[in-house]
Amino acid sequence: MKQDGYSRSIRSGGAPSAHTKLVALGVDPAIRMPTAMAISGLGESQLFLMISRGEFPRPFKLTPRGRAVGWRLSTITGWLADRESAS
């Protein structure tokens, strides 16, 4: 699985990545499925299964017909923080 700087920096205690810098600057971009998968460490099937069970945040529609969906970066990072504190 390809890891981005965010998950790598969390595990190694390294410098914050571009994602965490954006949140620190008050920018909360919408992220798409590949980025949500990279940040969460979950595969697409597992992600959708957890959404259907209410265990992962639901995406919102980015386009009028809803073909493109996404999450706010802060929603995903908040979910990770909650999971970490619960364990």
PDB file of N, CA and C in Angstrom:
ATOM      1  N   MET A   1       0.836  -1.173   0.000  1.00  0.00           N
ATOM      2  CA  MET A   1       0.000   0.000   0.000  1.00  0.00           C
ATOM      3  C   MET A   1       0.882   1.237   0.000  1.00  0.00           C
ATOM      4  N   LYS A   2       0.558   2.179  -0.838  1.00  0.00           N
ATOM      5  CA  LYS A   2       1.313   3.414  -0.917  1.00  0.00           C
ATOM      6  C   LYS A   2       0.945   4.304   0.259  1.00  0.00           C
ATOM      7  N   GLN A   3       1.940   4.794   0.974  1.00  0.00           N
ATOM      8  CA  GLN A   3       1.686   5.668   2.106  1.00  0.00           C
ATOM      9  C   GLN A   3       2.026   7.098   1.725  1.00  0.00           C
ATOM     10  N   ASP A   4       1.234   8.026   2.236  1.00  0.00           N
ATOM     11  CA  ASP A   4       1.574   9.418   2.022  1.00  0.00           C
ATOM     12  C   ASP A   4       2.353   9.928   3.228  1.00  0.00           C
ATOM     13  N   GLY A   5       2.767  11.155   3.201  1.00  0.00           N
ATOM     14  CA  GLY A   5       3.552  11.744   4.274  1.00  0.00           C
ATOM     15  C   GLY A   5       2.811  11.814   5.582  1.00  0.00           C
ATOM     16  N   TYR A   6       1.476  11.936   5.549  1.00  0.00           N
ATOM     17  CA  TYR A   6       0.702  12.064   6.777  1.00  0.00           C
ATOM     18  C   TYR A   6       0.813  10.809   7.622  1.00  0.00           C
ATOM     19  N   SER A   7       0.516   9.660   7.049  1.00  0.00           N
ATOM     20  CA  SER A   7       0.555   8.432   7.835  1.00  0.00           C
ATOM     21  C   SER A   7       1.986   8.093   8.222  1.00  0.00           C
ATOM     22  N   ARG A   8       2.930   8.394   7.369  1.00  0.00           N
ATOM     23  CA  ARG A   8       4.334   8.123   7.668  1.00  0.00           C
ATOM     24  C   ARG A   8       4.801   8.986   8.834  1.00  0.00           C
ATOM     25  N   SER A   9       4.415  10.292   8.854  1.00  0.00           N
ATOM     26  CA  SER A   9       4.886  11.173   9.912  1.00  0.00           C
ATOM     27  C   SER A   9       4.240  10.840  11.248  1.00  0.00           C
ATOM     28  N   ILE A  10       3.004  10.323  11.234  1.00  0.00           N
ATOM     29  CA  ILE A  10       2.348   9.940  12.483  1.00  0.00           C
ATOM     30  C   ILE A  10       3.081   8.761  13.114  1.00  0.00           C
ATOM     31  N   ARG A  11       3.406   7.774  12.289  1.00  0.00           N
ATOM     32  CA  ARG A  11       4.049   6.581  12.827  1.00  0.00           C
ATOM     33  C   ARG A  11       5.473   6.865  13.307  1.00  0.00           C
ATOM     34  N   SER A  12       6.186   7.695  12.587  1.00  0.00           N
ATOM     35  CA  SER A  12       7.589   7.907  12.916  1.00  0.00           C
ATOM     36  C   SER A  12       7.815   9.096  13.832  1.00  0.00           C
ATOM     37  N   GLY A  13       6.750   9.886  14.066  1.00  0.00           N
ATOM     38  CA  GLY A  13       6.922  11.075  14.886  1.00  0.00           C
ATOM     39  C   GLY A  13       7.678  12.161  14.151  1.00  0.00           C
ATOM     40  N   GLY A  14       7.716  12.075  12.819  1.00  0.00           N
ATOM     41  CA  GLY A  14       8.454  13.031  12.006  1.00  0.00           C
ATOM     42  C   GLY A  14       7.738  14.360  11.862  1.00  0.00           C
ATOM     43  N   ALA A  15       8.231  15.149  10.963  1.00  0.00           N
ATOM     44  CA  ALA A  15       7.675  16.480  10.726  1.00  0.00           C
ATOM     45  C   ALA A  15       6.260  16.380  10.168  1.00  0.00           C
ATOM     46  N   PRO A  16       5.428  17.384  10.453  1.00  0.00           N
ATOM     47  CA  PRO A  16       4.061  17.354   9.933  1.00  0.00           C
ATOM     48  C   PRO A  16       4.043  17.396   8.409  1.00  0.00           C
ATOM     49  N   SER A  17       3.059  16.740   7.827  1.00  0.00           N
ATOM     50  CA  SER A  17       2.941  16.688   6.382  1.00  0.00           C
ATOM     51  C   SER A  17       2.154  17.884   5.868  1.00  0.00           C
ATOM     52  N   ALA A  18       1.950  17.913   4.574  1.00  0.00           N
ATOM     53  CA  ALA A  18       1.171  18.977   3.948  1.00  0.00           C
ATOM     54  C   ALA A  18      -0.263  18.976   4.461  1.00  0.00           C
ATOM     55  N   HIS A  19      -0.818  17.783   4.733  1.00  0.00           N
ATOM     56  CA  HIS A  19      -2.191  17.702   5.237  1.00  0.00           C
ATOM     57  C   HIS A  19      -2.317  18.389   6.586  1.00  0.00           C
ATOM     58  N   THR A  20      -1.421  18.076   7.507  1.00  0.00           N
ATOM     59  CA  THR A  20      -1.517  18.664   8.841  1.00  0.00           C
ATOM     60  C   THR A  20      -1.188  20.147   8.804  1.00  0.00           C
ATOM     61  N   LYS A  21      -0.329  20.558   7.896  1.00  0.00           N
ATOM     62  CA  LYS A  21      -0.026  21.984   7.758  1.00  0.00           C
ATOM     63  C   LYS A  21      -1.248  22.744   7.267  1.00  0.00           C
ATOM     64  N   LEU A  22      -2.016  22.154   6.352  1.00  0.00           N
ATOM     65  CA  LEU A  22      -3.235  22.803   5.863  1.00  0.00           C
ATOM     66  C   LEU A  22      -4.231  23.020   6.993  1.00  0.00           C
ATOM     67  N   VAL A  23      -4.417  22.009   7.811  1.00  0.00           N
ATOM     68  CA  VAL A  23      -5.348  22.127   8.928  1.00  0.00           C
ATOM     69  C   VAL A  23      -4.857  23.188   9.910  1.00  0.00           C
ATOM     70  N   ALA A  24      -3.553  23.219  10.165  1.00  0.00           N
ATOM     71  CA  ALA A  24      -2.989  24.211  11.080  1.00  0.00           C
ATOM     72  C   ALA A  24      -3.183  25.630  10.553  1.00  0.00           C
ATOM     73  N   LEU A  25      -3.211  25.796   9.241  1.00  0.00           N
ATOM     74  CA  LEU A  25      -3.419  27.115   8.641  1.00  0.00           C
ATOM     75  C   LEU A  25      -4.890  27.500   8.576  1.00  0.00           C
ATOM     76  N   GLY A  26      -5.759  26.609   9.003  1.00  0.00           N
ATOM     77  CA  GLY A  26      -7.183  26.890   8.963  1.00  0.00           C
ATOM     78  C   GLY A  26      -7.823  26.549   7.632  1.00  0.00           C
ATOM     79  N   VAL A  27      -7.101  25.849   6.764  1.00  0.00           N
ATOM     80  CA  VAL A  27      -7.634  25.420   5.482  1.00  0.00           C
ATOM     81  C   VAL A  27      -8.153  23.999   5.666  1.00  0.00           C
ATOM     82  N   ASP A  28      -9.377  23.764   5.253  1.00  0.00           N
ATOM     83  CA  ASP A  28      -9.977  22.441   5.423  1.00  0.00           C
ATOM     84  C   ASP A  28     -10.487  21.945   4.073  1.00  0.00           C
ATOM     85  N   PRO A  29      -9.579  21.434   3.239  1.00  0.00           N
ATOM     86  CA  PRO A  29      -9.985  21.031   1.894  1.00  0.00           C
ATOM     87  C   PRO A  29     -10.843  19.773   1.887  1.00  0.00           C
ATOM     88  N   ALA A  30     -11.601  19.625   0.823  1.00  0.00           N
ATOM     89  CA  ALA A  30     -12.326  18.381   0.580  1.00  0.00           C
ATOM     90  C   ALA A  30     -11.334  17.394  -0.018  1.00  0.00           C
ATOM     91  N   ILE A  31     -11.359  16.177   0.475  1.00  0.00           N
ATOM     92  CA  ILE A  31     -10.470  15.149  -0.052  1.00  0.00           C
ATOM     93  C   ILE A  31     -11.318  14.057  -0.676  1.00  0.00           C
ATOM     94  N   ARG A  32     -10.756  13.396  -1.668  1.00  0.00           N
ATOM     95  CA  ARG A  32     -11.451  12.346  -2.395  1.00  0.00           C
ATOM     96  C   ARG A  32     -11.025  10.986  -1.863  1.00  0.00           C
ATOM     97  N   MET A  33     -11.600   9.957  -2.422  1.00  0.00           N
ATOM     98  CA  MET A  33     -11.406   8.583  -1.954  1.00  0.00           C
ATOM     99  C   MET A  33      -9.937   8.162  -1.842  1.00  0.00           C
ATOM    100  N   PRO A  34      -9.102   8.358  -2.859  1.00  0.00           N
ATOM    101  CA  PRO A  34      -7.713   7.887  -2.721  1.00  0.00           C
ATOM    102  C   PRO A  34      -6.983   8.511  -1.528  1.00  0.00           C
ATOM    103  N   THR A  35      -7.235   9.785  -1.282  1.00  0.00           N
ATOM    104  CA  THR A  35      -6.588  10.452  -0.156  1.00  0.00           C
ATOM    105  C   THR A  35      -7.160   9.956   1.163  1.00  0.00           C
ATOM    106  N   ALA A  36      -8.484   9.767   1.225  1.00  0.00           N
ATOM    107  CA  ALA A  36      -9.106   9.234   2.441  1.00  0.00           C
ATOM    108  C   ALA A  36      -8.566   7.838   2.749  1.00  0.00           C
ATOM    109  N   MET A  37      -8.368   7.038   1.713  1.00  0.00           N
ATOM    110  CA  MET A  37      -7.817   5.704   1.899  1.00  0.00           C
ATOM    111  C   MET A  37      -6.377   5.778   2.404  1.00  0.00           C
ATOM    112  N   ALA A  38      -5.587   6.674   1.847  1.00  0.00           N
ATOM    113  CA  ALA A  38      -4.187   6.800   2.254  1.00  0.00           C
ATOM    114  C   ALA A  38      -4.071   7.289   3.694  1.00  0.00           C
ATOM    115  N   ILE A  39      -4.895   8.252   4.070  1.00  0.00           N
ATOM    116  CA  ILE A  39      -4.821   8.798   5.426  1.00  0.00           C
ATOM    117  C   ILE A  39      -5.315   7.782   6.448  1.00  0.00           C
ATOM    118  N   SER A  40      -6.415   7.117   6.141  1.00  0.00           N
ATOM    119  CA  SER A  40      -7.011   6.186   7.104  1.00  0.00           C
ATOM    120  C   SER A  40      -6.294   4.835   7.142  1.00  0.00           C
ATOM    121  N   GLY A  41      -5.649   4.477   6.050  1.00  0.00           N
ATOM    122  CA  GLY A  41      -5.009   3.167   5.972  1.00  0.00           C
ATOM    123  C   GLY A  41      -5.978   2.056   5.624  1.00  0.00           C
ATOM    124  N   LEU A  42      -7.198   2.414   5.236  1.00  0.00           N
ATOM    125  CA  LEU A  42      -8.223   1.435   4.891  1.00  0.00           C
ATOM    126  C   LEU A  42      -8.329   1.288   3.381  1.00  0.00           C
ATOM    127  N   GLY A  43      -8.730   0.116   2.931  1.00  0.00           N
ATOM    128  CA  GLY A  43      -9.000  -0.108   1.521  1.00  0.00           C
ATOM    129  C   GLY A  43     -10.398   0.376   1.183  1.00  0.00           C
ATOM    130  N   GLU A  44     -10.691   0.454  -0.094  1.00  0.00           N
ATOM    131  CA  GLU A  44     -11.977   0.976  -0.548  1.00  0.00           C
ATOM    132  C   GLU A  44     -13.158   0.150  -0.036  1.00  0.00           C
ATOM    133  N   SER A  45     -13.070  -1.155  -0.121  1.00  0.00           N
ATOM    134  CA  SER A  45     -14.165  -2.012   0.334  1.00  0.00           C
ATOM    135  C   SER A  45     -14.407  -1.851   1.829  1.00  0.00           C
ATOM    136  N   GLN A  46     -13.328  -1.859   2.601  1.00  0.00           N
ATOM    137  CA  GLN A  46     -13.448  -1.711   4.050  1.00  0.00           C
ATOM    138  C   GLN A  46     -14.020  -0.341   4.409  1.00  0.00           C
ATOM    139  N   LEU A  47     -13.605   0.681   3.688  1.00  0.00           N
ATOM    140  CA  LEU A  47     -14.102   2.034   3.933  1.00  0.00           C
ATOM    141  C   LEU A  47     -15.611   2.094   3.725  1.00  0.00           C
ATOM    142  N   PHE A  48     -16.103   1.562   2.610  1.00  0.00           N
ATOM    143  CA  PHE A  48     -17.533   1.597   2.341  1.00  0.00           C
ATOM    144  C   PHE A  48     -18.323   0.710   3.307  1.00  0.00           C
ATOM    145  N   LEU A  49     -17.743  -0.394   3.725  1.00  0.00           N
ATOM    146  CA  LEU A  49     -18.398  -1.244   4.713  1.00  0.00           C
ATOM    147  C   LEU A  49     -18.549  -0.487   6.038  1.00  0.00           C
ATOM    148  N   MET A  50     -17.497   0.197   6.453  1.00  0.00           N
ATOM    149  CA  MET A  50     -17.553   0.955   7.701  1.00  0.00           C
ATOM    150  C   MET A  50     -18.518   2.138   7.595  1.00  0.00           C
ATOM    151  N   ILE A  51     -18.620   2.759   6.431  1.00  0.00           N
ATOM    152  CA  ILE A  51     -19.590   3.842   6.230  1.00  0.00           C
ATOM    153  C   ILE A  51     -21.003   3.291   6.391  1.00  0.00           C
ATOM    154  N   SER A  52     -21.273   2.141   5.784  1.00  0.00           N
ATOM    155  CA  SER A  52     -22.618   1.568   5.860  1.00  0.00           C
ATOM    156  C   SER A  52     -22.986   1.167   7.282  1.00  0.00           C
ATOM    157  N   ARG A  53     -21.999   0.826   8.084  1.00  0.00           N
ATOM    158  CA  ARG A  53     -22.235   0.463   9.480  1.00  0.00           C
ATOM    159  C   ARG A  53     -22.254   1.668  10.414  1.00  0.00           C
ATOM    160  N   GLY A  54     -21.935   2.840   9.889  1.00  0.00           N
ATOM    161  CA  GLY A  54     -21.871   4.045  10.716  1.00  0.00           C
ATOM    162  C   GLY A  54     -20.588   4.161  11.512  1.00  0.00           C
ATOM    163  N   GLU A  55     -19.542   3.439  11.099  1.00  0.00           N
ATOM    164  CA  GLU A  55     -18.263   3.429  11.809  1.00  0.00           C
ATOM    165  C   GLU A  55     -17.245   4.376  11.198  1.00  0.00           C
ATOM    166  N   PHE A  56     -17.566   4.968  10.071  1.00  0.00           N
ATOM    167  CA  PHE A  56     -16.685   5.909   9.381  1.00  0.00           C
ATOM    168  C   PHE A  56     -17.564   7.058   8.893  1.00  0.00           C
ATOM    169  N   PRO A  57     -17.047   8.287   8.888  1.00  0.00           N
ATOM    170  CA  PRO A  57     -17.874   9.422   8.453  1.00  0.00           C
ATOM    171  C   PRO A  57     -18.399   9.257   7.029  1.00  0.00           C
ATOM    172  N   ARG A  58     -19.631   9.690   6.827  1.00  0.00           N
ATOM    173  CA  ARG A  58     -20.237   9.642   5.493  1.00  0.00           C
ATOM    174  C   ARG A  58     -19.666  10.767   4.634  1.00  0.00           C
ATOM    175  N   PRO A  59     -19.408  10.487   3.365  1.00  0.00           N
ATOM    176  CA  PRO A  59     -18.949  11.556   2.469  1.00  0.00           C
ATOM    177  C   PRO A  59     -20.112  12.468   2.089  1.00  0.00           C
ATOM    178  N   PHE A  60     -19.775  13.637   1.586  1.00  0.00           N
ATOM    179  CA  PHE A  60     -20.807  14.547   1.090  1.00  0.00           C
ATOM    180  C   PHE A  60     -20.643  14.711  -0.414  1.00  0.00           C
ATOM    181  N   LYS A  61     -21.705  15.161  -1.068  1.00  0.00           N
ATOM    182  CA  LYS A  61     -21.694  15.313  -2.523  1.00  0.00           C
ATOM    183  C   LYS A  61     -20.894  16.543  -2.915  1.00  0.00           C
ATOM    184  N   LEU A  62     -19.999  16.360  -3.873  1.00  0.00           N
ATOM    185  CA  LEU A  62     -19.210  17.470  -4.410  1.00  0.00           C
ATOM    186  C   LEU A  62     -19.835  18.026  -5.684  1.00  0.00           C
ATOM    187  N   THR A  63     -20.683  17.241  -6.312  1.00  0.00           N
ATOM    188  CA  THR A  63     -21.352  17.662  -7.540  1.00  0.00           C
ATOM    189  C   THR A  63     -22.860  17.527  -7.352  1.00  0.00           C
ATOM    190  N   PRO A  64     -23.650  18.243  -8.149  1.00  0.00           N
ATOM    191  CA  PRO A  64     -25.104  18.204  -7.976  1.00  0.00           C
ATOM    192  C   PRO A  64     -25.710  16.800  -8.018  1.00  0.00           C
ATOM    193  N   ARG A  65     -25.237  15.961  -8.899  1.00  0.00           N
ATOM    194  CA  ARG A  65     -25.789  14.600  -9.002  1.00  0.00           C
ATOM    195  C   ARG A  65     -25.169  13.628  -8.013  1.00  0.00           C
ATOM    196  N   GLY A  66     -24.125  14.044  -7.341  1.00  0.00           N
ATOM    197  CA  GLY A  66     -23.518  13.206  -6.319  1.00  0.00           C
ATOM    198  C   GLY A  66     -22.578  12.144  -6.816  1.00  0.00           C
ATOM    199  N   ARG A  67     -22.153  12.241  -8.072  1.00  0.00           N
ATOM    200  CA  ARG A  67     -21.206  11.238  -8.580  1.00  0.00           C
ATOM    201  C   ARG A  67     -19.841  11.400  -7.932  1.00  0.00           C
ATOM    202  N   ALA A  68     -19.481  12.628  -7.630  1.00  0.00           N
ATOM    203  CA  ALA A  68     -18.220  12.887  -6.945  1.00  0.00           C
ATOM    204  C   ALA A  68     -18.526  13.190  -5.485  1.00  0.00           C
ATOM    205  N   VAL A  69     -17.885  12.441  -4.599  1.00  0.00           N
ATOM    206  CA  VAL A  69     -18.085  12.652  -3.172  1.00  0.00           C
ATOM    207  C   VAL A  69     -16.739  12.881  -2.508  1.00  0.00           C
ATOM    208  N   GLY A  70     -16.773  13.438  -1.321  1.00  0.00           N
ATOM    209  CA  GLY A  70     -15.540  13.691  -0.597  1.00  0.00           C
ATOM    210  C   GLY A  70     -15.810  13.907   0.884  1.00  0.00           C
ATOM    211  N   TRP A  71     -14.740  14.086   1.614  1.00  0.00           N
ATOM    212  CA  TRP A  71     -14.789  14.347   3.041  1.00  0.00           C
ATOM    213  C   TRP A  71     -13.970  15.594   3.315  1.00  0.00           C
ATOM    214  N   ARG A  72     -14.266  16.298   4.372  1.00  0.00           N
ATOM    215  CA  ARG A  72     -13.385  17.366   4.830  1.00  0.00           C
ATOM    216  C   ARG A  72     -12.190  16.700   5.489  1.00  0.00           C
ATOM    217  N   LEU A  73     -11.023  17.252   5.272  1.00  0.00           N
ATOM    218  CA  LEU A  73      -9.804  16.700   5.857  1.00  0.00           C
ATOM    219  C   LEU A  73      -9.923  16.635   7.371  1.00  0.00           C
ATOM    220  N   SER A  74     -10.506  17.659   7.976  1.00  0.00           N
ATOM    221  CA  SER A  74     -10.641  17.685   9.437  1.00  0.00           C
ATOM    222  C   SER A  74     -11.541  16.559   9.937  1.00  0.00           C
ATOM    223  N   THR A  75     -12.525  16.150   9.139  1.00  0.00           N
ATOM    224  CA  THR A  75     -13.410  15.051   9.534  1.00  0.00           C
ATOM    225  C   THR A  75     -12.623  13.750   9.639  1.00  0.00           C
ATOM    226  N   ILE A  76     -11.777  13.504   8.662  1.00  0.00           N
ATOM    227  CA  ILE A  76     -10.980  12.265   8.654  1.00  0.00           C
ATOM    228  C   ILE A  76      -9.935  12.291   9.767  1.00  0.00           C
ATOM    229  N   THR A  77      -9.253  13.406   9.927  1.00  0.00           N
ATOM    230  CA  THR A  77      -8.237  13.483  10.984  1.00  0.00           C
ATOM    231  C   THR A  77      -8.876  13.415  12.365  1.00  0.00           C
ATOM    232  N   GLY A  78     -10.071  13.990  12.515  1.00  0.00           N
ATOM    233  CA  GLY A  78     -10.796  13.891  13.781  1.00  0.00           C
ATOM    234  C   GLY A  78     -11.216  12.464  14.076  1.00  0.00           C
ATOM    235  N   TRP A  79     -11.669  11.749  13.040  1.00  0.00           N
ATOM    236  CA  TRP A  79     -12.048  10.350  13.190  1.00  0.00           C
ATOM    237  C   TRP A  79     -10.840   9.525  13.646  1.00  0.00           C
ATOM    238  N   LEU A  80      -9.671   9.784  13.035  1.00  0.00           N
ATOM    239  CA  LEU A  80      -8.463   9.064  13.428  1.00  0.00           C
ATOM    240  C   LEU A  80      -8.095   9.351  14.884  1.00  0.00           C
ATOM    241  N   ALA A  81      -8.199  10.604  15.286  1.00  0.00           N
ATOM    242  CA  ALA A  81      -7.875  10.980  16.659  1.00  0.00           C
ATOM    243  C   ALA A  81      -8.816  10.283  17.645  1.00  0.00           C
ATOM    244  N   ASP A  82     -10.100  10.205  17.299  1.00  0.00           N
ATOM    245  CA  ASP A  82     -11.079   9.526  18.144  1.00  0.00           C
ATOM    246  C   ASP A  82     -10.753   8.043  18.266  1.00  0.00           C
ATOM    247  N   ARG A  83     -10.388   7.420  17.137  1.00  0.00           N
ATOM    248  CA  ARG A  83     -10.043   5.990  17.153  1.00  0.00           C
ATOM    249  C   ARG A  83      -8.800   5.743  18.001  1.00  0.00           C
ATOM    250  N   GLU A  84      -7.836   6.648  17.886  1.00  0.00           N
ATOM    251  CA  GLU A  84      -6.597   6.500  18.635  1.00  0.00           C
ATOM    252  C   GLU A  84      -6.855   6.640  20.149  1.00  0.00           C
ATOM    253  N   SER A  85      -7.656   7.619  20.523  1.00  0.00           N
ATOM    254  CA  SER A  85      -7.923   7.823  21.949  1.00  0.00           C
ATOM    255  C   SER A  85      -8.802   6.714  22.531  1.00  0.00           C
ATOM    256  N   ALA A  86      -9.614   6.059  21.690  1.00  0.00           N
ATOM    257  CA  ALA A  86     -10.468   4.976  22.161  1.00  0.00           C
ATOM    258  C   ALA A  86      -9.685   3.683  22.391  1.00  0.00           C
ATOM    259  N   SER A  87      -8.506   3.577  21.773  1.00  0.00           N
ATOM    260  CA  SER A  87      -7.750   2.317  21.921  1.00  0.00           C
ATOM    261  C   SER A  87      -6.709   2.387  23.009  1.00  0.00           C
TER     262      SER A  87
END
